[in-house]
Amino acid sequence: MFPGRRDPPLRPPEARRLSPLEFAIEGTGWAGALLILSAYLLLSMEKVTGQSPLYQGMNVVGAAGFVVNGWWHGAIPSASLNVIWMLIGAIALLRIARRRRTEGVSS
């Protein structure tokens, strides 16, 4: 046994290729990660605020990607956390939309 090598391997050598569904699931997870990281980068660079629909939308869609990927891989704690992350973002988006409608009516 070599250090750093898993025994037994996670997949047998003949099953190392991803099926189209597995490829889509992995792509969904990576896209979610990129969206959430990009949202945080934009926030940190002060290009958006926490009340920006773009920021909240990127978090909601990114978390959805993590939910799909986490659920597929049986990472239920991660999937659950991201469901909550999505809900927080969705509620923020609803509040932003409501505030904009109210401000638009009173103007």
Protein backbone atom coordinates (compact mmCIF):
# COMPACT_ATOMS: atom_id res chain seq x y z
CA MET A 1 0.00 0.00 0.00
CA PHE A 2 1.34 3.43 -0.99
CA PRO A 3 0.75 6.58 1.09
CA GLY A 4 -1.94 8.75 -0.43
CA ARG A 5 -3.51 5.93 -2.42
CA ARG A 6 -6.93 4.68 -1.47
CA ASP A 7 -7.30 0.93 -1.05
CA PRO A 8 -9.65 -0.17 -2.46
CA PRO A 9 -9.88 2.54 -5.11
CA LEU A 10 -13.12 4.49 -5.25
CA ARG A 11 -13.82 3.04 -8.69
CA PRO A 12 -12.48 0.01 -10.45
CA PRO A 13 -10.15 0.94 -13.35
CA GLU A 14 -12.71 -0.12 -15.97
CA ALA A 15 -15.34 2.25 -14.52
CA ARG A 16 -13.25 5.43 -14.49
CA ARG A 17 -15.23 7.11 -17.28
CA LEU A 18 -18.24 9.15 -16.26
CA SER A 19 -21.61 8.44 -17.78
CA PRO A 20 -23.34 11.44 -19.42
CA LEU A 21 -25.55 11.79 -16.31
CA GLU A 22 -22.57 11.68 -13.94
CA PHE A 23 -20.77 14.21 -16.12
CA ALA A 24 -23.81 16.53 -15.93
CA ILE A 25 -24.01 16.11 -12.15
CA GLU A 26 -20.32 16.94 -11.75
CA GLY A 27 -20.65 19.90 -14.14
CA THR A 28 -23.63 21.17 -12.14
CA GLY A 29 -21.62 21.01 -8.92
CA TRP A 30 -18.63 22.82 -10.44
CA ALA A 31 -20.86 25.48 -12.01
CA GLY A 32 -22.47 26.02 -8.59
CA ALA A 33 -19.06 26.39 -6.99
CA LEU A 34 -17.95 28.91 -9.61
CA LEU A 35 -21.15 30.94 -9.20
CA ILE A 36 -20.87 31.14 -5.42
CA LEU A 37 -17.16 31.98 -5.57
CA SER A 38 -17.78 34.61 -8.25
CA ALA A 39 -20.57 36.16 -6.18
CA TYR A 40 -18.26 36.37 -3.18
CA LEU A 41 -15.48 37.85 -5.29
CA LEU A 42 -17.84 40.53 -6.65
CA LEU A 43 -19.02 41.31 -3.13
CA SER A 44 -15.45 41.48 -1.80
CA MET A 45 -14.42 43.80 -4.64
CA GLU A 46 -17.44 46.01 -3.84
CA LYS A 47 -18.86 45.51 -7.35
CA VAL A 48 -22.17 44.35 -5.83
CA THR A 49 -23.80 44.62 -2.42
CA GLY A 50 -25.53 42.00 -0.34
CA GLN A 51 -28.80 43.58 -1.45
CA SER A 52 -27.98 43.13 -5.14
CA PRO A 53 -30.33 40.80 -7.05
CA LEU A 54 -27.30 39.63 -9.05
CA TYR A 55 -25.43 38.61 -5.88
CA GLN A 56 -28.41 36.85 -4.35
CA GLY A 57 -29.34 35.19 -7.64
CA MET A 58 -25.83 33.84 -8.12
CA ASN A 59 -25.96 32.38 -4.61
CA VAL A 60 -29.37 30.77 -5.16
CA VAL A 61 -28.40 29.17 -8.48
CA GLY A 62 -24.96 28.19 -7.18
CA ALA A 63 -26.45 26.56 -4.10
CA ALA A 64 -28.89 24.67 -6.33
CA GLY A 65 -25.91 23.21 -8.18
CA PHE A 66 -24.40 22.10 -4.88
CA VAL A 67 -27.72 20.58 -3.78
CA VAL A 68 -27.92 18.45 -6.93
CA ASN A 69 -24.29 17.35 -6.67
CA GLY A 70 -24.38 16.75 -2.92
CA TRP A 71 -27.61 14.76 -3.09
CA TRP A 72 -26.25 12.60 -5.92
CA HIS A 73 -23.11 11.80 -3.93
CA GLY A 74 -25.03 11.17 -0.71
CA ALA A 75 -23.52 14.20 1.00
CA ILE A 76 -26.76 14.98 2.82
CA PRO A 77 -25.28 17.50 5.31
CA SER A 78 -23.84 19.52 2.42
CA ALA A 79 -27.03 19.27 0.38
CA SER A 80 -29.09 20.34 3.42
CA LEU A 81 -26.84 23.31 4.11
CA ASN A 82 -27.21 24.42 0.51
CA VAL A 83 -31.01 24.09 0.60
CA ILE A 84 -30.93 26.53 3.52
CA TRP A 85 -28.46 28.77 1.61
CA MET A 86 -30.90 28.76 -1.34
CA LEU A 87 -33.84 29.66 0.92
CA ILE A 88 -31.94 32.56 2.47
CA GLY A 89 -31.07 33.88 -1.00
CA ALA A 90 -34.62 33.37 -2.28
CA ILE A 91 -36.08 35.26 0.69
CA ALA A 92 -33.56 38.06 0.11
CA LEU A 93 -34.57 38.21 -3.58
CA LEU A 94 -38.26 38.41 -2.62
CA ARG A 95 -37.56 41.24 -0.19
CA ILE A 96 -35.50 43.12 -2.79
CA ALA A 97 -38.30 42.74 -5.35
CA ARG A 98 -40.95 43.84 -2.82
CA ARG A 99 -38.87 46.88 -1.82
CA ARG A 100 -38.37 47.87 -5.46
CA ARG A 101 -42.11 47.57 -6.16
CA THR A 102 -42.92 49.69 -3.11
CA GLU A 103 -40.33 52.33 -4.04
CA GLY A 104 -41.59 52.36 -7.63
CA VAL A 105 -45.21 52.95 -6.54
CA SER A 106 -44.36 55.77 -4.11
CA SER A 107 -42.15 57.66 -6.61
